[in-house]
Amino acid sequence: MLNEETAQAFAREWIAAWNAHDLERILSHYAEDIRVTSPVAARLTGGAEVSGKQALRDYFAAGLAYYPDLHFQLEAVFVGADSLVLSYLNQNGARAAEMMVLNGEGKVVRMVAHYA
């Protein structure tokens, strides 16, 4: 079960990895059997769902290339039993929220992105 301290630490590291544009560091947060649903994925890959870590690598690499000035500012962390929601602002000041379900090793197995 997640607690506030673990969720906050995960959120800080996740944001830092994205802000560093370090693909391997970003991917270290995700399980091999990851499943992601995102409207940005639909725009960059042609499909809203990305399954598996290699497909996620390709999607995130495309995203980092498409948004070279990508930067996230964490606003809030919502803690569930085995999931969390990260609310943040992107480089354009737009709000985003990502719901993530974690496995026993603390890796994301399911993520759903939402954008305002």
N, C-alpha and C. Protein backbone atom coordinates (compact mmCIF):
# COMPACT_ATOMS: atom_id res chain seq x y z
N MET A 1 0.84 -1.18 0.00
CA MET A 1 0.00 0.00 0.00
C MET A 1 0.89 1.25 0.00
N LEU A 2 0.49 2.23 -0.78
CA LEU A 2 1.23 3.49 -0.84
C LEU A 2 0.97 4.34 0.40
N ASN A 3 1.96 5.14 0.74
CA ASN A 3 1.75 6.15 1.77
C ASN A 3 2.18 7.50 1.20
N GLU A 4 1.89 8.55 1.92
CA GLU A 4 2.17 9.91 1.45
C GLU A 4 3.65 10.11 1.12
N GLU A 5 4.52 9.62 1.99
CA GLU A 5 5.97 9.81 1.81
C GLU A 5 6.46 9.11 0.53
N THR A 6 6.05 7.88 0.32
CA THR A 6 6.45 7.12 -0.87
C THR A 6 5.90 7.78 -2.14
N ALA A 7 4.65 8.20 -2.10
CA ALA A 7 4.03 8.85 -3.26
C ALA A 7 4.73 10.16 -3.59
N GLN A 8 5.06 10.96 -2.59
CA GLN A 8 5.74 12.24 -2.82
C GLN A 8 7.14 12.00 -3.41
N ALA A 9 7.85 11.01 -2.88
CA ALA A 9 9.19 10.70 -3.40
C ALA A 9 9.11 10.24 -4.86
N PHE A 10 8.13 9.38 -5.17
CA PHE A 10 7.94 8.93 -6.55
C PHE A 10 7.66 10.13 -7.45
N ALA A 11 6.77 11.01 -7.02
CA ALA A 11 6.39 12.17 -7.82
C ALA A 11 7.59 13.08 -8.08
N ARG A 12 8.37 13.37 -7.06
CA ARG A 12 9.54 14.24 -7.24
C ARG A 12 10.53 13.64 -8.23
N GLU A 13 10.78 12.34 -8.11
CA GLU A 13 11.72 11.68 -9.01
C GLU A 13 11.17 11.61 -10.43
N TRP A 14 9.89 11.33 -10.58
CA TRP A 14 9.25 11.25 -11.90
C TRP A 14 9.35 12.60 -12.61
N ILE A 15 9.01 13.68 -11.90
CA ILE A 15 9.10 15.04 -12.46
C ILE A 15 10.54 15.36 -12.83
N ALA A 16 11.47 15.06 -11.95
CA ALA A 16 12.90 15.35 -12.21
C ALA A 16 13.40 14.60 -13.44
N ALA A 17 12.98 13.36 -13.61
CA ALA A 17 13.40 12.57 -14.77
C ALA A 17 12.91 13.20 -16.06
N TRP A 18 11.64 13.61 -16.07
CA TRP A 18 11.11 14.28 -17.27
C TRP A 18 11.81 15.61 -17.52
N ASN A 19 12.03 16.39 -16.48
CA ASN A 19 12.66 17.69 -16.66
C ASN A 19 14.12 17.57 -17.10
N ALA A 20 14.75 16.44 -16.80
CA ALA A 20 16.12 16.18 -17.26
C ALA A 20 16.14 15.66 -18.70
N HIS A 21 14.97 15.32 -19.23
CA HIS A 21 14.84 14.74 -20.58
C HIS A 21 15.69 13.48 -20.71
N ASP A 22 15.77 12.72 -19.62
CA ASP A 22 16.57 11.50 -19.54
C ASP A 22 15.65 10.30 -19.76
N LEU A 23 15.63 9.78 -20.99
CA LEU A 23 14.69 8.73 -21.36
C LEU A 23 14.83 7.49 -20.48
N GLU A 24 16.03 7.04 -20.22
CA GLU A 24 16.22 5.84 -19.39
C GLU A 24 15.74 6.07 -17.96
N ARG A 25 16.00 7.24 -17.45
CA ARG A 25 15.53 7.58 -16.09
C ARG A 25 14.01 7.62 -16.06
N ILE A 26 13.39 8.19 -17.08
CA ILE A 26 11.93 8.22 -17.17
C ILE A 26 11.38 6.80 -17.19
N LEU A 27 11.95 5.97 -18.07
CA LEU A 27 11.46 4.60 -18.24
C LEU A 27 11.66 3.74 -17.00
N SER A 28 12.60 4.11 -16.13
CA SER A 28 12.85 3.32 -14.92
C SER A 28 11.63 3.29 -13.99
N HIS A 29 10.68 4.16 -14.21
CA HIS A 29 9.48 4.21 -13.37
C HIS A 29 8.38 3.24 -13.84
N TYR A 30 8.59 2.59 -14.98
CA TYR A 30 7.54 1.80 -15.61
C TYR A 30 7.90 0.32 -15.68
N ALA A 31 6.90 -0.53 -15.49
CA ALA A 31 7.05 -1.98 -15.59
C ALA A 31 7.10 -2.41 -17.06
N GLU A 32 7.61 -3.59 -17.31
CA GLU A 32 7.70 -4.12 -18.67
C GLU A 32 6.32 -4.24 -19.32
N ASP A 33 5.30 -4.58 -18.51
CA ASP A 33 3.95 -4.79 -19.05
C ASP A 33 3.07 -3.54 -18.95
N ILE A 34 3.69 -2.38 -18.97
CA ILE A 34 2.99 -1.10 -18.85
C ILE A 34 1.92 -0.94 -19.93
N ARG A 35 0.84 -0.31 -19.55
CA ARG A 35 -0.23 0.08 -20.49
C ARG A 35 -0.56 1.54 -20.23
N VAL A 36 -0.43 2.37 -21.26
CA VAL A 36 -0.65 3.81 -21.15
C VAL A 36 -1.76 4.23 -22.11
N THR A 37 -2.65 5.08 -21.62
CA THR A 37 -3.68 5.68 -22.47
C THR A 37 -3.52 7.19 -22.37
N SER A 38 -3.40 7.84 -23.54
CA SER A 38 -3.16 9.28 -23.54
C SER A 38 -3.59 9.91 -24.85
N PRO A 39 -4.24 11.08 -24.80
CA PRO A 39 -4.56 11.77 -26.04
C PRO A 39 -3.30 12.23 -26.78
N VAL A 40 -2.21 12.47 -26.06
CA VAL A 40 -0.96 12.84 -26.73
C VAL A 40 -0.41 11.64 -27.50
N ALA A 41 -0.55 10.45 -26.95
CA ALA A 41 -0.13 9.24 -27.67
C ALA A 41 -0.89 9.13 -28.97
N ALA A 42 -2.17 9.43 -28.93
CA ALA A 42 -2.99 9.36 -30.15
C ALA A 42 -2.43 10.31 -31.21
N ARG A 43 -2.01 11.49 -30.78
CA ARG A 43 -1.48 12.48 -31.71
C ARG A 43 -0.10 12.08 -32.26
N LEU A 44 0.75 11.50 -31.40
CA LEU A 44 2.12 11.19 -31.80
C LEU A 44 2.30 9.82 -32.44
N THR A 45 1.42 8.86 -32.08
CA THR A 45 1.60 7.50 -32.57
C THR A 45 0.45 6.99 -33.42
N GLY A 46 -0.66 7.72 -33.42
CA GLY A 46 -1.81 7.29 -34.18
C GLY A 46 -2.78 6.44 -33.39
N GLY A 47 -2.41 6.10 -32.15
CA GLY A 47 -3.30 5.31 -31.30
C GLY A 47 -3.22 5.82 -29.87
N ALA A 48 -4.33 5.83 -29.17
CA ALA A 48 -4.38 6.38 -27.82
C ALA A 48 -3.77 5.46 -26.77
N GLU A 49 -3.59 4.17 -27.10
CA GLU A 49 -3.04 3.24 -26.12
C GLU A 49 -1.66 2.74 -26.55
N VAL A 50 -0.76 2.71 -25.59
CA VAL A 50 0.60 2.21 -25.78
C VAL A 50 0.78 1.05 -24.82
N SER A 51 1.21 -0.11 -25.32
CA SER A 51 1.37 -1.29 -24.48
C SER A 51 2.79 -1.83 -24.59
N GLY A 52 3.39 -2.09 -23.43
CA GLY A 52 4.74 -2.65 -23.36
C GLY A 52 5.80 -1.57 -23.30
N LYS A 53 6.91 -1.92 -22.66
CA LYS A 53 7.96 -0.94 -22.40
C LYS A 53 8.67 -0.47 -23.67
N GLN A 54 8.84 -1.34 -24.66
CA GLN A 54 9.50 -0.90 -25.90
C GLN A 54 8.62 0.11 -26.64
N ALA A 55 7.33 -0.14 -26.71
CA ALA A 55 6.42 0.82 -27.35
C ALA A 55 6.39 2.12 -26.56
N LEU A 56 6.47 2.02 -25.23
CA LEU A 56 6.51 3.22 -24.39
C LEU A 56 7.79 4.01 -24.65
N ARG A 57 8.91 3.32 -24.79
CA ARG A 57 10.18 3.96 -25.11
C ARG A 57 10.05 4.77 -26.41
N ASP A 58 9.48 4.15 -27.42
CA ASP A 58 9.31 4.82 -28.72
C ASP A 58 8.41 6.05 -28.58
N TYR A 59 7.33 5.91 -27.84
CA TYR A 59 6.39 7.01 -27.64
C TYR A 59 7.05 8.16 -26.87
N PHE A 60 7.70 7.84 -25.77
CA PHE A 60 8.34 8.89 -24.98
C PHE A 60 9.48 9.56 -25.75
N ALA A 61 10.24 8.79 -26.52
CA ALA A 61 11.31 9.38 -27.34
C ALA A 61 10.72 10.36 -28.35
N ALA A 62 9.60 9.97 -28.96
CA ALA A 62 8.93 10.87 -29.91
C ALA A 62 8.43 12.12 -29.19
N GLY A 63 7.90 11.96 -28.00
CA GLY A 63 7.41 13.10 -27.23
C GLY A 63 8.51 14.06 -26.85
N LEU A 64 9.65 13.54 -26.41
CA LEU A 64 10.77 14.40 -26.06
C LEU A 64 11.31 15.15 -27.27
N ALA A 65 11.30 14.50 -28.43
CA ALA A 65 11.75 15.16 -29.66
C ALA A 65 10.74 16.23 -30.10
N TYR A 66 9.46 15.93 -29.97
CA TYR A 66 8.40 16.84 -30.40
C TYR A 66 8.30 18.07 -29.50
N TYR A 67 8.58 17.87 -28.21
CA TYR A 67 8.52 18.96 -27.22
C TYR A 67 9.90 19.19 -26.62
N PRO A 68 10.82 19.82 -27.35
CA PRO A 68 12.20 19.99 -26.85
C PRO A 68 12.28 20.88 -25.60
N ASP A 69 11.27 21.71 -25.38
CA ASP A 69 11.27 22.58 -24.20
C ASP A 69 10.39 22.02 -23.08
N LEU A 70 10.06 20.72 -23.15
CA LEU A 70 9.20 20.08 -22.17
C LEU A 70 9.72 20.32 -20.76
N HIS A 71 8.82 20.73 -19.89
CA HIS A 71 9.15 20.96 -18.49
C HIS A 71 7.86 20.84 -17.68
N PHE A 72 7.91 20.11 -16.57
CA PHE A 72 6.75 19.91 -15.73
C PHE A 72 6.98 20.57 -14.37
N GLN A 73 5.90 21.13 -13.83
CA GLN A 73 5.92 21.69 -12.48
C GLN A 73 4.84 20.98 -11.68
N LEU A 74 5.24 20.22 -10.69
CA LEU A 74 4.30 19.45 -9.87
C LEU A 74 3.38 20.39 -9.08
N GLU A 75 2.09 20.12 -9.15
CA GLU A 75 1.10 20.88 -8.38
C GLU A 75 0.59 20.10 -7.18
N ALA A 76 0.25 18.81 -7.40
CA ALA A 76 -0.35 18.02 -6.32
C ALA A 76 -0.12 16.54 -6.58
N VAL A 77 -0.11 15.79 -5.48
CA VAL A 77 -0.02 14.34 -5.52
C VAL A 77 -1.20 13.80 -4.73
N PHE A 78 -2.01 12.96 -5.37
CA PHE A 78 -3.16 12.33 -4.73
C PHE A 78 -2.81 10.86 -4.53
N VAL A 79 -2.96 10.37 -3.32
CA VAL A 79 -2.51 9.03 -2.96
C VAL A 79 -3.70 8.09 -2.81
N GLY A 80 -3.63 6.94 -3.50
CA GLY A 80 -4.61 5.88 -3.34
C GLY A 80 -3.95 4.68 -2.68
N ALA A 81 -4.63 3.55 -2.65
CA ALA A 81 -4.09 2.35 -2.02
C ALA A 81 -2.89 1.82 -2.80
N ASP A 82 -3.04 1.65 -4.11
CA ASP A 82 -1.93 1.18 -4.94
C ASP A 82 -1.79 2.06 -6.18
N SER A 83 -2.29 3.28 -6.08
CA SER A 83 -2.23 4.20 -7.21
C SER A 83 -2.02 5.62 -6.71
N LEU A 84 -1.65 6.48 -7.64
CA LEU A 84 -1.52 7.89 -7.33
C LEU A 84 -1.90 8.69 -8.56
N VAL A 85 -2.20 9.95 -8.33
CA VAL A 85 -2.48 10.89 -9.41
C VAL A 85 -1.52 12.04 -9.23
N LEU A 86 -0.77 12.34 -10.29
CA LEU A 86 0.11 13.49 -10.28
C LEU A 86 -0.55 14.59 -11.10
N SER A 87 -0.70 15.75 -10.50
CA SER A 87 -1.24 16.91 -11.17
C SER A 87 -0.08 17.87 -11.38
N TYR A 88 0.07 18.36 -12.61
CA TYR A 88 1.21 19.23 -12.89
C TYR A 88 0.88 20.20 -14.01
N LEU A 89 1.72 21.22 -14.15
CA LEU A 89 1.65 22.16 -15.26
C LEU A 89 2.75 21.79 -16.24
N ASN A 90 2.44 21.88 -17.54
CA ASN A 90 3.48 21.61 -18.52
C ASN A 90 4.17 22.91 -18.93
N GLN A 91 5.06 22.82 -19.89
CA GLN A 91 5.86 23.97 -20.33
C GLN A 91 5.03 25.12 -20.88
N ASN A 92 3.80 24.86 -21.27
CA ASN A 92 2.90 25.89 -21.79
C ASN A 92 1.95 26.42 -20.72
N GLY A 93 2.10 25.94 -19.49
CA GLY A 93 1.21 26.34 -18.41
C GLY A 93 -0.11 25.59 -18.40
N ALA A 94 -0.25 24.59 -19.26
CA ALA A 94 -1.48 23.79 -19.30
C ALA A 94 -1.44 22.74 -18.19
N ARG A 95 -2.60 22.46 -17.62
CA ARG A 95 -2.71 21.47 -16.55
C ARG A 95 -2.81 20.06 -17.13
N ALA A 96 -2.20 19.14 -16.40
CA ALA A 96 -2.27 17.73 -16.75
C ALA A 96 -2.39 16.93 -15.46
N ALA A 97 -2.98 15.75 -15.56
CA ALA A 97 -3.06 14.83 -14.43
C ALA A 97 -2.87 13.42 -14.97
N GLU A 98 -2.03 12.67 -14.31
CA GLU A 98 -1.77 11.29 -14.72
C GLU A 98 -2.09 10.37 -13.56
N MET A 99 -3.00 9.43 -13.81
CA MET A 99 -3.36 8.42 -12.83
C MET A 99 -2.47 7.20 -13.10
N MET A 100 -1.75 6.77 -12.06
CA MET A 100 -0.81 5.66 -12.21
C MET A 100 -1.10 4.58 -11.18
N VAL A 101 -1.20 3.33 -11.66
CA VAL A 101 -1.32 2.17 -10.78
C VAL A 101 0.06 1.54 -10.70
N LEU A 102 0.52 1.27 -9.48
CA LEU A 102 1.85 0.71 -9.26
C LEU A 102 1.77 -0.77 -8.88
N ASN A 103 2.80 -1.51 -9.28
CA ASN A 103 2.89 -2.91 -8.86
C ASN A 103 3.64 -3.01 -7.53
N GLY A 104 3.89 -4.21 -7.07
CA GLY A 104 4.56 -4.43 -5.79
C GLY A 104 5.97 -3.89 -5.73
N GLU A 105 6.60 -3.69 -6.88
CA GLU A 105 7.95 -3.13 -6.93
C GLU A 105 7.95 -1.62 -7.06
N GLY A 106 6.76 -1.00 -7.06
CA GLY A 106 6.68 0.45 -7.19
C GLY A 106 6.81 0.96 -8.61
N LYS A 107 6.62 0.06 -9.59
CA LYS A 107 6.67 0.44 -11.01
C LYS A 107 5.26 0.63 -11.54
N VAL A 108 5.10 1.57 -12.46
CA VAL A 108 3.79 1.85 -13.04
C VAL A 108 3.41 0.74 -14.02
N VAL A 109 2.24 0.15 -13.81
CA VAL A 109 1.72 -0.88 -14.72
C VAL A 109 0.56 -0.36 -15.57
N ARG A 110 -0.06 0.72 -15.10
CA ARG A 110 -1.19 1.31 -15.84
C ARG A 110 -1.15 2.81 -15.61
N MET A 111 -1.23 3.58 -16.68
CA MET A 111 -1.23 5.02 -16.57
C MET A 111 -2.25 5.58 -17.54
N VAL A 112 -3.06 6.53 -17.06
CA VAL A 112 -4.04 7.22 -17.89
C VAL A 112 -3.79 8.71 -17.73
N ALA A 113 -3.53 9.38 -18.86
CA ALA A 113 -3.22 10.81 -18.85
C ALA A 113 -4.47 11.63 -19.18
N HIS A 114 -4.57 12.78 -18.54
CA HIS A 114 -5.68 13.71 -18.75
C HIS A 114 -5.10 15.11 -18.88
N TYR A 115 -5.68 15.89 -19.79
CA TYR A 115 -5.17 17.23 -20.04
C TYR A 115 -6.30 18.23 -20.05
N ALA A 116 -6.04 19.42 -19.48
CA ALA A 116 -7.04 20.49 -19.43
C ALA A 116 -6.87 21.38 -20.65
